[in-house]
Amino acid sequence: MPPTPEWRDAHARLGRELRRATRDPWWRRPRRPPIASVSDLPRTDADYPEAVPVLLDWLEHTAEHTGIDDVREVQIFRTGLCHALTMRCAVGTRAVPLMISALYTDTSLHPSILASYTQAAQQIAEPSDYTRFREIALDRSIGYGRAPILEWLFEIDVDDALVVNIGELDDPTVRAYILRSFRHGKNSRRPARLQAVVAPYVTDPETEVRT
């Protein structure tokens, strides 16, 4: 579906705000790449702390700022904001709580949209987010959208993450993702512990579960 006029207008207005906020003064060295739109931020390794307040404001008030009425379009616009916030300078800000709030605005949305929120959130999460993220990992109403969170748990507490992930294997929406993590991720270094867990799925009729 091509972008609506409302989408294009909102994208352009956000781009202008970001350009004003992130423009380097003439004396700054080295100069950072100029930001022309929200989609430029995930493509650069530079940090733009001046962009964070702008992005947080638009993430918190997306519908009002964009003027978009379609709920799904608003949510997709939010995914772009979330990805733009995966900068080091956004760690410890309101970014993660706002991403989680967006996640729960409508859990009936397409799983890929929900996963976009959680994928962005886990990139800038801190150990103090573990308790909340564990709750999300156990929330089956999110379906596949919680898959990035299930994997992130291993970065903080491997033993507890194994308990959570093994307990969620009976959910077909995340089963293949969890098993891939067991076989090919950091947990592949624990074959003895996981062999009995993975074994029943070796002959599963679904290719994604077997591989």
C-alpha atoms as a PDB file:
ATOM      1  CA  MET A   1       0.000   0.000   0.000  1.00  0.00           C
ATOM      2  CA  PRO A   2       1.520   3.366  -1.021  1.00  0.00           C
ATOM      3  CA  PRO A   3       1.941   6.031   1.680  1.00  0.00           C
ATOM      4  CA  THR A   4      -1.074   8.247   2.188  1.00  0.00           C
ATOM      5  CA  PRO A   5      -0.780  12.037   1.863  1.00  0.00           C
ATOM      6  CA  GLU A   6      -1.080  12.259   5.667  1.00  0.00           C
ATOM      7  CA  TRP A   7       1.832   9.849   6.047  1.00  0.00           C
ATOM      8  CA  ARG A   8       4.051  11.759   3.618  1.00  0.00           C
ATOM      9  CA  ASP A   9       3.218  15.069   5.278  1.00  0.00           C
ATOM     10  CA  ALA A  10       3.942  13.727   8.774  1.00  0.00           C
ATOM     11  CA  HIS A  11       7.192  12.138   7.614  1.00  0.00           C
ATOM     12  CA  ALA A  12       8.310  15.428   6.077  1.00  0.00           C
ATOM     13  CA  ARG A  13       7.411  17.453   9.190  1.00  0.00           C
ATOM     14  CA  LEU A  14       9.285  15.044  11.436  1.00  0.00           C
ATOM     15  CA  GLY A  15      12.274  15.221   9.097  1.00  0.00           C
ATOM     16  CA  ARG A  16      12.331  19.013   9.350  1.00  0.00           C
ATOM     17  CA  GLU A  17      12.232  18.846  13.147  1.00  0.00           C
ATOM     18  CA  LEU A  18      15.084  16.355  13.206  1.00  0.00           C
ATOM     19  CA  ARG A  19      17.182  18.425  10.794  1.00  0.00           C
ATOM     20  CA  ARG A  20      16.808  21.503  12.995  1.00  0.00           C
ATOM     21  CA  ALA A  21      17.571  19.570  16.170  1.00  0.00           C
ATOM     22  CA  THR A  22      20.634  17.705  14.875  1.00  0.00           C
ATOM     23  CA  ARG A  23      22.309  20.307  12.670  1.00  0.00           C
ATOM     24  CA  ASP A  24      25.966  20.539  13.680  1.00  0.00           C
ATOM     25  CA  PRO A  25      27.394  23.982  14.445  1.00  0.00           C
ATOM     26  CA  TRP A  26      30.050  25.130  11.974  1.00  0.00           C
ATOM     27  CA  TRP A  27      32.832  24.596  14.499  1.00  0.00           C
ATOM     28  CA  ARG A  28      32.051  20.954  15.326  1.00  0.00           C
ATOM     29  CA  ARG A  29      34.696  18.449  14.306  1.00  0.00           C
ATOM     30  CA  PRO A  30      34.290  15.780  13.181  1.00  0.00           C
ATOM     31  CA  ARG A  31      30.978  16.658  11.632  1.00  0.00           C
ATOM     32  CA  ARG A  32      28.241  14.057  11.755  1.00  0.00           C
ATOM     33  CA  PRO A  33      26.281  12.988   8.658  1.00  0.00           C
ATOM     34  CA  PRO A  34      23.287  15.322   8.218  1.00  0.00           C
ATOM     35  CA  ILE A  35      19.891  13.891   9.144  1.00  0.00           C
ATOM     36  CA  ALA A  36      17.265  14.487   6.482  1.00  0.00           C
ATOM     37  CA  SER A  37      14.595  12.078   7.742  1.00  0.00           C
ATOM     38  CA  VAL A  38      13.821   9.649  10.549  1.00  0.00           C
ATOM     39  CA  SER A  39      14.981   6.761   8.369  1.00  0.00           C
ATOM     40  CA  ASP A  40      18.529   8.191   8.309  1.00  0.00           C
ATOM     41  CA  LEU A  41      19.123   7.583  12.012  1.00  0.00           C
ATOM     42  CA  PRO A  42      19.259   3.753  12.010  1.00  0.00           C
ATOM     43  CA  ARG A  43      21.695   3.906   9.065  1.00  0.00           C
ATOM     44  CA  THR A  44      24.456   5.763  10.885  1.00  0.00           C
ATOM     45  CA  ASP A  45      26.763   4.817  13.726  1.00  0.00           C
ATOM     46  CA  ALA A  46      26.844   8.394  15.001  1.00  0.00           C
ATOM     47  CA  ASP A  47      24.894   9.394  18.097  1.00  0.00           C
ATOM     48  CA  TYR A  48      22.350  12.205  17.926  1.00  0.00           C
ATOM     49  CA  PRO A  49      21.254  12.943  21.503  1.00  0.00           C
ATOM     50  CA  GLU A  50      19.496  16.076  20.265  1.00  0.00           C
ATOM     51  CA  ALA A  51      17.138  13.853  18.271  1.00  0.00           C
ATOM     52  CA  VAL A  52      16.016  11.806  21.266  1.00  0.00           C
ATOM     53  CA  PRO A  53      13.558  14.359  22.778  1.00  0.00           C
ATOM     54  CA  VAL A  54      11.997  14.885  19.352  1.00  0.00           C
ATOM     55  CA  LEU A  55      11.596  11.163  18.752  1.00  0.00           C
ATOM     56  CA  LEU A  56      10.224  10.526  22.248  1.00  0.00           C
ATOM     57  CA  ASP A  57       7.640  13.274  21.793  1.00  0.00           C
ATOM     58  CA  TRP A  58       6.505  11.841  18.459  1.00  0.00           C
ATOM     59  CA  LEU A  59       6.480   8.294  19.857  1.00  0.00           C
ATOM     60  CA  GLU A  60       4.319   9.332  22.804  1.00  0.00           C
ATOM     61  CA  HIS A  61       1.947  11.448  20.707  1.00  0.00           C
ATOM     62  CA  THR A  62       2.116   9.772  17.297  1.00  0.00           C
ATOM     63  CA  ALA A  63      -1.550  10.076  16.387  1.00  0.00           C
ATOM     64  CA  GLU A  64      -1.692  13.756  17.332  1.00  0.00           C
ATOM     65  CA  HIS A  65       1.515  14.697  15.522  1.00  0.00           C
ATOM     66  CA  THR A  66       0.808  12.743  12.360  1.00  0.00           C
ATOM     67  CA  GLY A  67      -2.902  13.407  11.992  1.00  0.00           C
ATOM     68  CA  ILE A  68      -3.262   9.826  10.729  1.00  0.00           C
ATOM     69  CA  ASP A  69      -6.589   8.173  11.572  1.00  0.00           C
ATOM     70  CA  ASP A  70      -5.837   4.588  10.575  1.00  0.00           C
ATOM     71  CA  VAL A  71      -4.636   2.696  13.662  1.00  0.00           C
ATOM     72  CA  ARG A  72      -2.410   0.338  11.696  1.00  0.00           C
ATOM     73  CA  GLU A  73      -0.733   3.222   9.848  1.00  0.00           C
ATOM     74  CA  VAL A  74      -0.071   4.959  13.156  1.00  0.00           C
ATOM     75  CA  GLN A  75       1.500   1.790  14.523  1.00  0.00           C
ATOM     76  CA  ILE A  76       3.716   1.365  11.456  1.00  0.00           C
ATOM     77  CA  PHE A  77       4.817   5.000  11.778  1.00  0.00           C
ATOM     78  CA  ARG A  78       5.724   4.222  15.388  1.00  0.00           C
ATOM     79  CA  THR A  79       7.948   1.338  14.315  1.00  0.00           C
ATOM     80  CA  GLY A  80      10.097   3.811  12.380  1.00  0.00           C
ATOM     81  CA  LEU A  81      10.388   5.985  15.474  1.00  0.00           C
ATOM     82  CA  CYS A  82      11.366   2.972  17.566  1.00  0.00           C
ATOM     83  CA  HIS A  83      14.115   1.923  15.173  1.00  0.00           C
ATOM     84  CA  ALA A  84      15.421   5.490  15.084  1.00  0.00           C
ATOM     85  CA  LEU A  85      15.718   5.381  18.876  1.00  0.00           C
ATOM     86  CA  THR A  86      18.095   2.415  18.903  1.00  0.00           C
ATOM     87  CA  MET A  87      21.024   4.757  19.580  1.00  0.00           C
ATOM     88  CA  ARG A  88      23.410   4.543  22.513  1.00  0.00           C
ATOM     89  CA  CYS A  89      22.246   7.956  23.664  1.00  0.00           C
ATOM     90  CA  ALA A  90      18.664   6.670  24.046  1.00  0.00           C
ATOM     91  CA  VAL A  91      19.655   4.114  26.701  1.00  0.00           C
ATOM     92  CA  GLY A  92      18.201   5.047  30.078  1.00  0.00           C
ATOM     93  CA  THR A  93      15.601   7.426  28.634  1.00  0.00           C
ATOM     94  CA  ARG A  94      11.837   6.950  28.361  1.00  0.00           C
ATOM     95  CA  ALA A  95      12.372   5.121  25.071  1.00  0.00           C
ATOM     96  CA  VAL A  96      11.947   1.549  26.325  1.00  0.00           C
ATOM     97  CA  PRO A  97       8.820   2.269  28.434  1.00  0.00           C
ATOM     98  CA  LEU A  98       7.248   4.089  25.474  1.00  0.00           C
ATOM     99  CA  MET A  99       8.059   1.214  23.127  1.00  0.00           C
ATOM    100  CA  ILE A 100       6.424  -1.239  25.523  1.00  0.00           C
ATOM    101  CA  SER A 101       3.415   1.070  25.818  1.00  0.00           C
ATOM    102  CA  ALA A 102       3.144   1.087  22.014  1.00  0.00           C
ATOM    103  CA  LEU A 103       3.381  -2.703  22.031  1.00  0.00           C
ATOM    104  CA  TYR A 104       0.297  -2.957  24.211  1.00  0.00           C
ATOM    105  CA  THR A 105      -1.737  -0.325  22.381  1.00  0.00           C
ATOM    106  CA  ASP A 106      -3.189  -3.072  20.196  1.00  0.00           C
ATOM    107  CA  THR A 107      -1.785  -6.599  20.534  1.00  0.00           C
ATOM    108  CA  SER A 108      -4.036  -7.782  17.668  1.00  0.00           C
ATOM    109  CA  LEU A 109      -1.790  -6.039  15.136  1.00  0.00           C
ATOM    110  CA  HIS A 110       0.365  -8.055  12.758  1.00  0.00           C
ATOM    111  CA  PRO A 111       3.104  -9.912  14.666  1.00  0.00           C
ATOM    112  CA  SER A 112       5.795  -8.255  12.548  1.00  0.00           C
ATOM    113  CA  ILE A 113       4.736  -4.842  13.884  1.00  0.00           C
ATOM    114  CA  LEU A 114       4.734  -6.084  17.468  1.00  0.00           C
ATOM    115  CA  ALA A 115       8.142  -7.683  16.925  1.00  0.00           C
ATOM    116  CA  SER A 116       9.455  -4.364  15.592  1.00  0.00           C
ATOM    117  CA  TYR A 117       8.678  -2.754  18.941  1.00  0.00           C
ATOM    118  CA  THR A 118      10.303  -5.494  20.990  1.00  0.00           C
ATOM    119  CA  GLN A 119      13.297  -5.749  18.646  1.00  0.00           C
ATOM    120  CA  ALA A 120      13.973  -2.037  19.109  1.00  0.00           C
ATOM    121  CA  ALA A 121      13.369  -2.170  22.867  1.00  0.00           C
ATOM    122  CA  GLN A 122      15.795  -5.024  23.483  1.00  0.00           C
ATOM    123  CA  GLN A 123      18.558  -3.177  21.614  1.00  0.00           C
ATOM    124  CA  ILE A 124      18.620  -0.371  24.188  1.00  0.00           C
ATOM    125  CA  ALA A 125      17.379  -2.280  27.243  1.00  0.00           C
ATOM    126  CA  GLU A 126      19.294  -2.354  30.521  1.00  0.00           C
ATOM    127  CA  PRO A 127      19.599  -5.147  33.116  1.00  0.00           C
ATOM    128  CA  SER A 128      17.058  -3.294  35.256  1.00  0.00           C
ATOM    129  CA  ASP A 129      14.476  -4.007  32.524  1.00  0.00           C
ATOM    130  CA  TYR A 130      14.724  -7.760  33.113  1.00  0.00           C
ATOM    131  CA  THR A 131      11.690  -8.155  35.374  1.00  0.00           C
ATOM    132  CA  ARG A 132       9.398  -6.277  32.975  1.00  0.00           C
ATOM    133  CA  PHE A 133      10.823  -8.030  29.943  1.00  0.00           C
ATOM    134  CA  ARG A 134      10.348 -11.402  31.598  1.00  0.00           C
ATOM    135  CA  GLU A 135       6.655 -10.586  32.023  1.00  0.00           C
ATOM    136  CA  ILE A 136       6.437  -9.687  28.336  1.00  0.00           C
ATOM    137  CA  ALA A 137       8.233 -12.901  27.368  1.00  0.00           C
ATOM    138  CA  LEU A 138       5.509 -14.868  29.166  1.00  0.00           C
ATOM    139  CA  ASP A 139       2.618 -12.897  27.663  1.00  0.00           C
ATOM    140  CA  ARG A 140       1.203 -15.082  24.908  1.00  0.00           C
ATOM    141  CA  SER A 141      -1.221 -12.401  23.758  1.00  0.00           C
ATOM    142  CA  ILE A 142       1.737 -10.868  21.910  1.00  0.00           C
ATOM    143  CA  GLY A 143       2.463 -14.080  19.993  1.00  0.00           C
ATOM    144  CA  TYR A 144       5.573 -13.930  17.833  1.00  0.00           C
ATOM    145  CA  GLY A 145       6.057 -10.298  18.859  1.00  0.00           C
ATOM    146  CA  ARG A 146       7.746 -11.443  22.073  1.00  0.00           C
ATOM    147  CA  ALA A 147      10.417 -13.502  20.291  1.00  0.00           C
ATOM    148  CA  PRO A 148      13.179 -10.833  20.489  1.00  0.00           C
ATOM    149  CA  ILE A 149      12.496 -10.470  24.215  1.00  0.00           C
ATOM    150  CA  LEU A 150      12.749 -14.219  24.787  1.00  0.00           C
ATOM    151  CA  GLU A 151      16.214 -14.117  23.240  1.00  0.00           C
ATOM    152  CA  TRP A 152      17.292 -10.964  25.114  1.00  0.00           C
ATOM    153  CA  LEU A 153      16.675 -12.634  28.482  1.00  0.00           C
ATOM    154  CA  PHE A 154      19.733 -14.825  27.873  1.00  0.00           C
ATOM    155  CA  GLU A 155      21.980 -11.759  27.917  1.00  0.00           C
ATOM    156  CA  ILE A 156      21.114 -11.106  31.580  1.00  0.00           C
ATOM    157  CA  ASP A 157      20.257 -14.426  33.258  1.00  0.00           C
ATOM    158  CA  VAL A 158      20.971 -17.557  31.228  1.00  0.00           C
ATOM    159  CA  ASP A 159      19.551 -20.031  33.732  1.00  0.00           C
ATOM    160  CA  ASP A 160      16.275 -18.192  34.213  1.00  0.00           C
ATOM    161  CA  ALA A 161      16.014 -17.487  30.485  1.00  0.00           C
ATOM    162  CA  LEU A 162      16.290 -21.212  29.783  1.00  0.00           C
ATOM    163  CA  VAL A 163      13.425 -21.898  32.188  1.00  0.00           C
ATOM    164  CA  VAL A 164      11.267 -19.263  30.498  1.00  0.00           C
ATOM    165  CA  ASN A 165      12.096 -20.330  26.940  1.00  0.00           C
ATOM    166  CA  ILE A 166      11.640 -24.047  27.605  1.00  0.00           C
ATOM    167  CA  GLY A 167       8.279 -23.275  29.186  1.00  0.00           C
ATOM    168  CA  GLU A 168       7.166 -21.431  26.050  1.00  0.00           C
ATOM    169  CA  LEU A 169       8.039 -24.181  23.573  1.00  0.00           C
ATOM    170  CA  ASP A 170       4.444 -25.364  23.480  1.00  0.00           C
ATOM    171  CA  ASP A 171       3.435 -22.040  21.878  1.00  0.00           C
ATOM    172  CA  PRO A 172       3.688 -22.546  18.099  1.00  0.00           C
ATOM    173  CA  THR A 173       4.080 -18.813  17.467  1.00  0.00           C
ATOM    174  CA  VAL A 174       7.546 -18.764  19.062  1.00  0.00           C
ATOM    175  CA  ARG A 175       8.566 -22.445  19.022  1.00  0.00           C
ATOM    176  CA  ALA A 176      10.710 -22.264  15.880  1.00  0.00           C
ATOM    177  CA  TYR A 177      12.412 -19.085  17.087  1.00  0.00           C
ATOM    178  CA  ILE A 178      13.258 -20.595  20.474  1.00  0.00           C
ATOM    179  CA  LEU A 179      14.605 -23.802  18.947  1.00  0.00           C
ATOM    180  CA  ARG A 180      16.811 -21.856  16.517  1.00  0.00           C
ATOM    181  CA  SER A 181      18.146 -19.945  19.494  1.00  0.00           C
ATOM    182  CA  PHE A 182      18.895 -23.224  21.285  1.00  0.00           C
ATOM    183  CA  ARG A 183      20.641 -24.732  18.260  1.00  0.00           C
ATOM    184  CA  HIS A 184      22.526 -21.800  16.806  1.00  0.00           C
ATOM    185  CA  GLY A 185      22.678 -19.061  19.431  1.00  0.00           C
ATOM    186  CA  LYS A 186      24.746 -18.686  22.562  1.00  0.00           C
ATOM    187  CA  ASN A 187      22.896 -21.630  24.067  1.00  0.00           C
ATOM    188  CA  SER A 188      24.339 -24.013  21.496  1.00  0.00           C
ATOM    189  CA  ARG A 189      27.273 -24.178  23.907  1.00  0.00           C
ATOM    190  CA  ARG A 190      25.017 -26.057  26.353  1.00  0.00           C
ATOM    191  CA  PRO A 191      24.214 -29.139  24.214  1.00  0.00           C
ATOM    192  CA  ALA A 192      24.033 -31.615  27.104  1.00  0.00           C
ATOM    193  CA  ARG A 193      21.400 -29.592  28.911  1.00  0.00           C
ATOM    194  CA  LEU A 194      19.310 -28.886  25.846  1.00  0.00           C
ATOM    195  CA  GLN A 195      19.629 -32.136  23.930  1.00  0.00           C
ATOM    196  CA  ALA A 196      16.610 -33.717  25.592  1.00  0.00           C
ATOM    197  CA  VAL A 197      14.570 -30.539  25.011  1.00  0.00           C
ATOM    198  CA  VAL A 198      15.394 -30.262  21.309  1.00  0.00           C
ATOM    199  CA  ALA A 199      15.228 -33.993  20.474  1.00  0.00           C
ATOM    200  CA  PRO A 200      11.407 -34.321  20.171  1.00  0.00           C
ATOM    201  CA  TYR A 201      11.365 -31.610  17.478  1.00  0.00           C
ATOM    202  CA  VAL A 202      14.031 -33.128  15.191  1.00  0.00           C
ATOM    203  CA  THR A 203      11.351 -34.892  13.149  1.00  0.00           C
ATOM    204  CA  ASP A 204       8.720 -32.163  13.435  1.00  0.00           C
ATOM    205  CA  PRO A 205       6.624 -31.792  10.245  1.00  0.00           C
ATOM    206  CA  GLU A 206       7.340 -28.041  10.141  1.00  0.00           C
ATOM    207  CA  THR A 207      10.635 -27.201   8.423  1.00  0.00           C
ATOM    208  CA  GLU A 208      11.185 -24.068  10.510  1.00  0.00           C
ATOM    209  CA  VAL A 209      10.927 -26.120  13.704  1.00  0.00           C
ATOM    210  CA  ARG A 210      13.334 -28.827  12.489  1.00  0.00           C
ATOM    211  CA  THR A 211      16.105 -26.474  11.319  1.00  0.00           C
END
